[in-house]
Amino acid sequence: TDNGATWTAASSGLPVGQANVNALTTTASGTVLAGTMNGIYRSTNFGGNWTRVFTLSGHALTQHGSTIYAGTSNGVYRSTNDGATWTAINTGMNFNWVRAVAAIPNGSGGVTLFARNIDSPEQVADLAHDLRRLGGEWPSWVAIDQEGGRVARLRAPFTEWPPMAALGRADSEALAD
């Protein structure tokens, strides 16, 4: 109410000593959800009190319209009732820890993968296909932090890229294509 000049604790009901919040989102109705290592907590009074509504670690939260998506220690879950209940949407997906989920305002969304979640190029192709099928009208994308050089999350049989700085020094439009 004073542009951040003063702050008030809003942790009643969160686990003491383990309330590191990994993700936060607020719904259109004013419900606040906090993803922690101890689960997902919900407040219907702007953080005055919190109740654990989901026991899996909440690493990422986002929403698309009235639907909330959570990246957890056991895949992706969806809630259509302000986080009161959650449903797994992992059919056909062969991975657990999801640390990033996204819903873009124009209706698209995606997932970021890490090397420990990936076995083969075919698996990534199958995952992208499943995400598209599960998303219905919600277009999806799959991202991997694959910068090349030292930051190469995926090794053979995936394409191995040189460091981006080396491509820049080559000053070649042909290499950039």
C-alpha atoms as a PDB file:
ATOM      1  CA  THR A   1       0.000   0.000   0.000  1.00  0.00           C
ATOM      2  CA  ASP A   2       3.026   2.308   0.264  1.00  0.00           C
ATOM      3  CA  ASN A   3       4.951   1.219  -2.873  1.00  0.00           C
ATOM      4  CA  GLY A   4       7.176  -1.169  -0.909  1.00  0.00           C
ATOM      5  CA  ALA A   5       8.410   1.291   1.721  1.00  0.00           C
ATOM      6  CA  THR A   6       7.304  -1.072   4.522  1.00  0.00           C
ATOM      7  CA  TRP A   7       6.701  -4.816   4.596  1.00  0.00           C
ATOM      8  CA  THR A   8       4.509  -7.121   6.686  1.00  0.00           C
ATOM      9  CA  ALA A   9       5.202 -10.816   7.283  1.00  0.00           C
ATOM     10  CA  ALA A  10       2.739 -13.039   5.437  1.00  0.00           C
ATOM     11  CA  SER A  11       3.859 -16.518   6.483  1.00  0.00           C
ATOM     12  CA  SER A  12       1.238 -17.812   8.916  1.00  0.00           C
ATOM     13  CA  GLY A  13       0.710 -21.475   8.039  1.00  0.00           C
ATOM     14  CA  LEU A  14       3.910 -21.882   6.008  1.00  0.00           C
ATOM     15  CA  PRO A  15       6.409 -24.421   7.409  1.00  0.00           C
ATOM     16  CA  VAL A  16       8.921 -22.797   9.753  1.00  0.00           C
ATOM     17  CA  GLY A  17      12.483 -22.964   8.446  1.00  0.00           C
ATOM     18  CA  GLN A  18      11.392 -24.516   5.147  1.00  0.00           C
ATOM     19  CA  ALA A  19       9.319 -21.741   3.640  1.00  0.00           C
ATOM     20  CA  ASN A  20      11.662 -20.916   0.784  1.00  0.00           C
ATOM     21  CA  VAL A  21       9.229 -20.032  -1.961  1.00  0.00           C
ATOM     22  CA  ASN A  22      10.241 -21.347  -5.388  1.00  0.00           C
ATOM     23  CA  ALA A  23       7.240 -19.913  -7.239  1.00  0.00           C
ATOM     24  CA  LEU A  24       4.309 -17.585  -6.648  1.00  0.00           C
ATOM     25  CA  THR A  25       1.178 -16.837  -8.630  1.00  0.00           C
ATOM     26  CA  THR A  26      -2.039 -14.928  -7.951  1.00  0.00           C
ATOM     27  CA  THR A  27      -5.353 -15.919  -9.524  1.00  0.00           C
ATOM     28  CA  ALA A  28      -8.004 -13.574 -10.887  1.00  0.00           C
ATOM     29  CA  SER A  29     -10.071 -14.177  -7.735  1.00  0.00           C
ATOM     30  CA  GLY A  30      -7.191 -13.015  -5.499  1.00  0.00           C
ATOM     31  CA  THR A  31      -6.027 -16.448  -4.323  1.00  0.00           C
ATOM     32  CA  VAL A  32      -2.241 -16.592  -3.864  1.00  0.00           C
ATOM     33  CA  LEU A  33      -0.338 -19.849  -4.434  1.00  0.00           C
ATOM     34  CA  ALA A  34       3.224 -20.475  -3.233  1.00  0.00           C
ATOM     35  CA  GLY A  35       5.330 -23.402  -4.428  1.00  0.00           C
ATOM     36  CA  THR A  36       7.822 -24.616  -1.811  1.00  0.00           C
ATOM     37  CA  MET A  37       9.981 -27.698  -1.282  1.00  0.00           C
ATOM     38  CA  ASN A  38       7.340 -28.739   1.257  1.00  0.00           C
ATOM     39  CA  GLY A  39       4.437 -28.540  -1.201  1.00  0.00           C
ATOM     40  CA  ILE A  40       2.105 -25.953  -2.679  1.00  0.00           C
ATOM     41  CA  TYR A  41       0.385 -23.599  -0.253  1.00  0.00           C
ATOM     42  CA  ARG A  42      -2.736 -21.508  -0.856  1.00  0.00           C
ATOM     43  CA  SER A  43      -3.922 -18.263   0.699  1.00  0.00           C
ATOM     44  CA  THR A  44      -7.352 -16.769   0.099  1.00  0.00           C
ATOM     45  CA  ASN A  45      -6.629 -13.648   2.182  1.00  0.00           C
ATOM     46  CA  PHE A  46      -3.591 -12.127   0.447  1.00  0.00           C
ATOM     47  CA  GLY A  47      -1.039 -14.158   2.415  1.00  0.00           C
ATOM     48  CA  GLY A  48      -2.597 -13.652   5.839  1.00  0.00           C
ATOM     49  CA  ASN A  49      -2.893 -17.432   6.317  1.00  0.00           C
ATOM     50  CA  TRP A  50      -1.625 -20.355   4.249  1.00  0.00           C
ATOM     51  CA  THR A  51      -2.892 -23.923   3.866  1.00  0.00           C
ATOM     52  CA  ARG A  52      -0.971 -26.725   2.176  1.00  0.00           C
ATOM     53  CA  VAL A  53      -3.097 -27.917  -0.761  1.00  0.00           C
ATOM     54  CA  PHE A  54      -0.566 -30.184  -2.476  1.00  0.00           C
ATOM     55  CA  THR A  55       2.193 -32.312  -0.944  1.00  0.00           C
ATOM     56  CA  LEU A  56       4.644 -32.496  -3.876  1.00  0.00           C
ATOM     57  CA  SER A  57       7.431 -29.905  -4.066  1.00  0.00           C
ATOM     58  CA  GLY A  58       6.247 -26.939  -6.125  1.00  0.00           C
ATOM     59  CA  HIS A  59       9.083 -25.680  -8.339  1.00  0.00           C
ATOM     60  CA  ALA A  60       7.134 -23.581 -10.835  1.00  0.00           C
ATOM     61  CA  LEU A  61       3.657 -22.087 -11.088  1.00  0.00           C
ATOM     62  CA  THR A  62       1.934 -20.349 -13.956  1.00  0.00           C
ATOM     63  CA  GLN A  63      -1.569 -19.896 -15.230  1.00  0.00           C
ATOM     64  CA  HIS A  64      -3.525 -19.656 -18.434  1.00  0.00           C
ATOM     65  CA  GLY A  65      -6.956 -18.156 -17.966  1.00  0.00           C
ATOM     66  CA  SER A  66      -8.483 -19.829 -14.926  1.00  0.00           C
ATOM     67  CA  THR A  67      -6.196 -22.880 -15.149  1.00  0.00           C
ATOM     68  CA  ILE A  68      -3.069 -23.067 -12.984  1.00  0.00           C
ATOM     69  CA  TYR A  69      -0.121 -25.290 -13.930  1.00  0.00           C
ATOM     70  CA  ALA A  70       2.509 -26.521 -11.472  1.00  0.00           C
ATOM     71  CA  GLY A  71       5.934 -27.977 -12.201  1.00  0.00           C
ATOM     72  CA  THR A  72       6.607 -30.392  -9.340  1.00  0.00           C
ATOM     73  CA  SER A  73       8.954 -33.106  -8.131  1.00  0.00           C
ATOM     74  CA  ASN A  74       6.681 -35.571  -9.927  1.00  0.00           C
ATOM     75  CA  GLY A  75       5.776 -33.908 -13.229  1.00  0.00           C
ATOM     76  CA  VAL A  76       3.199 -31.333 -14.312  1.00  0.00           C
ATOM     77  CA  TYR A  77      -0.143 -30.847 -12.567  1.00  0.00           C
ATOM     78  CA  ARG A  78      -3.179 -28.713 -13.356  1.00  0.00           C
ATOM     79  CA  SER A  79      -5.785 -27.023 -11.161  1.00  0.00           C
ATOM     80  CA  THR A  80      -9.022 -25.511 -12.429  1.00  0.00           C
ATOM     81  CA  ASN A  81     -10.337 -24.398  -9.021  1.00  0.00           C
ATOM     82  CA  ASP A  82      -7.827 -21.820  -7.725  1.00  0.00           C
ATOM     83  CA  GLY A  83      -5.422 -24.513  -6.503  1.00  0.00           C
ATOM     84  CA  ALA A  84      -7.859 -26.365  -4.233  1.00  0.00           C
ATOM     85  CA  THR A  85      -7.254 -29.668  -6.082  1.00  0.00           C
ATOM     86  CA  TRP A  86      -4.655 -30.841  -8.611  1.00  0.00           C
ATOM     87  CA  THR A  87      -4.661 -33.363 -11.480  1.00  0.00           C
ATOM     88  CA  ALA A  88      -1.568 -34.929 -13.080  1.00  0.00           C
ATOM     89  CA  ILE A  89      -1.177 -34.206 -16.799  1.00  0.00           C
ATOM     90  CA  ASN A  90       1.839 -36.430 -17.384  1.00  0.00           C
ATOM     91  CA  THR A  91       0.376 -39.065 -19.718  1.00  0.00           C
ATOM     92  CA  GLY A  92       3.106 -40.195 -22.088  1.00  0.00           C
ATOM     93  CA  MET A  93       5.798 -38.099 -20.415  1.00  0.00           C
ATOM     94  CA  ASN A  94       8.818 -39.952 -19.083  1.00  0.00           C
ATOM     95  CA  PHE A  95      10.316 -37.487 -16.627  1.00  0.00           C
ATOM     96  CA  ASN A  96       9.832 -36.290 -13.056  1.00  0.00           C
ATOM     97  CA  TRP A  97      11.295 -33.007 -11.864  1.00  0.00           C
ATOM     98  CA  VAL A  98       9.805 -30.062 -13.723  1.00  0.00           C
ATOM     99  CA  ARG A  99      11.376 -26.784 -12.694  1.00  0.00           C
ATOM    100  CA  ALA A 100       9.831 -24.478 -15.273  1.00  0.00           C
ATOM    101  CA  VAL A 101       6.386 -24.143 -16.800  1.00  0.00           C
ATOM    102  CA  ALA A 102       5.106 -21.244 -18.851  1.00  0.00           C
ATOM    103  CA  ALA A 103       1.846 -19.884 -20.123  1.00  0.00           C
ATOM    104  CA  ILE A 104       2.229 -17.003 -22.546  1.00  0.00           C
ATOM    105  CA  PRO A 105      -0.601 -14.422 -22.666  1.00  0.00           C
ATOM    106  CA  ASN A 106      -1.466 -15.227 -26.302  1.00  0.00           C
ATOM    107  CA  GLY A 107      -2.359 -18.766 -25.239  1.00  0.00           C
ATOM    108  CA  SER A 108       0.855 -20.658 -25.962  1.00  0.00           C
ATOM    109  CA  GLY A 109       3.063 -22.294 -23.353  1.00  0.00           C
ATOM    110  CA  GLY A 110       5.891 -24.716 -22.866  1.00  0.00           C
ATOM    111  CA  VAL A 111       8.336 -26.627 -20.761  1.00  0.00           C
ATOM    112  CA  THR A 112      12.085 -26.411 -20.206  1.00  0.00           C
ATOM    113  CA  LEU A 113      13.984 -29.714 -20.136  1.00  0.00           C
ATOM    114  CA  PHE A 114      17.184 -30.605 -18.336  1.00  0.00           C
ATOM    115  CA  ALA A 115      19.719 -33.252 -19.359  1.00  0.00           C
ATOM    116  CA  ARG A 116      18.677 -35.605 -16.540  1.00  0.00           C
ATOM    117  CA  ASN A 117      15.161 -35.741 -18.081  1.00  0.00           C
ATOM    118  CA  ILE A 118      16.297 -36.736 -21.562  1.00  0.00           C
ATOM    119  CA  ASP A 119      17.329 -40.122 -22.935  1.00  0.00           C
ATOM    120  CA  SER A 120      17.222 -39.738 -26.727  1.00  0.00           C
ATOM    121  CA  PRO A 121      16.232 -37.406 -29.591  1.00  0.00           C
ATOM    122  CA  GLU A 122      13.227 -39.663 -30.202  1.00  0.00           C
ATOM    123  CA  GLN A 123      12.070 -39.130 -26.618  1.00  0.00           C
ATOM    124  CA  VAL A 124      12.213 -35.334 -27.061  1.00  0.00           C
ATOM    125  CA  ALA A 125      10.238 -35.619 -30.315  1.00  0.00           C
ATOM    126  CA  ASP A 126       7.640 -37.820 -28.578  1.00  0.00           C
ATOM    127  CA  LEU A 127       7.418 -35.359 -25.671  1.00  0.00           C
ATOM    128  CA  ALA A 128       6.885 -32.388 -28.013  1.00  0.00           C
ATOM    129  CA  HIS A 129       4.156 -34.368 -29.805  1.00  0.00           C
ATOM    130  CA  ASP A 130       2.481 -35.315 -26.497  1.00  0.00           C
ATOM    131  CA  LEU A 131       2.610 -31.728 -25.226  1.00  0.00           C
ATOM    132  CA  ARG A 132       0.933 -30.532 -28.399  1.00  0.00           C
ATOM    133  CA  ARG A 133      -1.744 -33.241 -28.143  1.00  0.00           C
ATOM    134  CA  LEU A 134      -2.393 -32.581 -24.438  1.00  0.00           C
ATOM    135  CA  GLY A 135      -2.479 -28.827 -24.918  1.00  0.00           C
ATOM    136  CA  GLY A 136      -5.447 -28.891 -27.304  1.00  0.00           C
ATOM    137  CA  GLU A 137      -5.800 -25.325 -28.532  1.00  0.00           C
ATOM    138  CA  TRP A 138      -2.882 -24.344 -26.287  1.00  0.00           C
ATOM    139  CA  PRO A 139       0.212 -24.312 -28.570  1.00  0.00           C
ATOM    140  CA  SER A 140       3.338 -25.556 -26.799  1.00  0.00           C
ATOM    141  CA  TRP A 141       7.107 -25.258 -27.110  1.00  0.00           C
ATOM    142  CA  VAL A 142      10.008 -27.243 -25.663  1.00  0.00           C
ATOM    143  CA  ALA A 143      13.184 -25.409 -24.649  1.00  0.00           C
ATOM    144  CA  ILE A 144      16.635 -26.654 -23.676  1.00  0.00           C
ATOM    145  CA  ASP A 145      19.474 -24.422 -22.481  1.00  0.00           C
ATOM    146  CA  GLN A 146      21.892 -25.578 -25.178  1.00  0.00           C
ATOM    147  CA  GLU A 147      24.339 -22.731 -25.718  1.00  0.00           C
ATOM    148  CA  GLY A 148      27.173 -24.795 -27.107  1.00  0.00           C
ATOM    149  CA  GLY A 149      30.726 -25.148 -25.830  1.00  0.00           C
ATOM    150  CA  ARG A 150      30.823 -25.535 -22.035  1.00  0.00           C
ATOM    151  CA  VAL A 151      27.034 -25.062 -21.714  1.00  0.00           C
ATOM    152  CA  ALA A 152      25.913 -28.156 -23.573  1.00  0.00           C
ATOM    153  CA  ARG A 153      23.129 -29.933 -21.739  1.00  0.00           C
ATOM    154  CA  LEU A 154      22.826 -32.551 -24.467  1.00  0.00           C
ATOM    155  CA  ARG A 155      25.696 -34.572 -25.874  1.00  0.00           C
ATOM    156  CA  ALA A 156      25.780 -37.113 -28.711  1.00  0.00           C
ATOM    157  CA  PRO A 157      23.602 -38.378 -30.318  1.00  0.00           C
ATOM    158  CA  PHE A 158      22.197 -34.817 -30.230  1.00  0.00           C
ATOM    159  CA  THR A 159      23.790 -32.139 -32.408  1.00  0.00           C
ATOM    160  CA  GLU A 160      26.858 -30.740 -30.636  1.00  0.00           C
ATOM    161  CA  TRP A 161      27.246 -26.998 -31.235  1.00  0.00           C
ATOM    162  CA  PRO A 162      30.426 -24.948 -30.915  1.00  0.00           C
ATOM    163  CA  PRO A 163      30.412 -22.079 -28.402  1.00  0.00           C
ATOM    164  CA  MET A 164      28.247 -19.191 -29.625  1.00  0.00           C
ATOM    165  CA  ALA A 165      31.217 -16.827 -29.186  1.00  0.00           C
ATOM    166  CA  ALA A 166      33.155 -18.915 -31.753  1.00  0.00           C
ATOM    167  CA  LEU A 167      30.269 -18.602 -34.215  1.00  0.00           C
ATOM    168  CA  GLY A 168      30.195 -14.846 -33.626  1.00  0.00           C
ATOM    169  CA  ARG A 169      33.943 -14.503 -34.220  1.00  0.00           C
ATOM    170  CA  ALA A 170      33.583 -16.399 -37.508  1.00  0.00           C
ATOM    171  CA  ASP A 171      31.348 -13.541 -38.739  1.00  0.00           C
ATOM    172  CA  SER A 172      29.619 -15.895 -41.172  1.00  0.00           C
ATOM    173  CA  GLU A 173      25.952 -15.613 -42.115  1.00  0.00           C
ATOM    174  CA  ALA A 174      26.165 -19.134 -43.590  1.00  0.00           C
ATOM    175  CA  LEU A 175      27.126 -20.576 -40.167  1.00  0.00           C
ATOM    176  CA  ALA A 176      24.276 -18.681 -38.527  1.00  0.00           C
ATOM    177  CA  ASP A 177      21.749 -20.346 -40.844  1.00  0.00           C
END
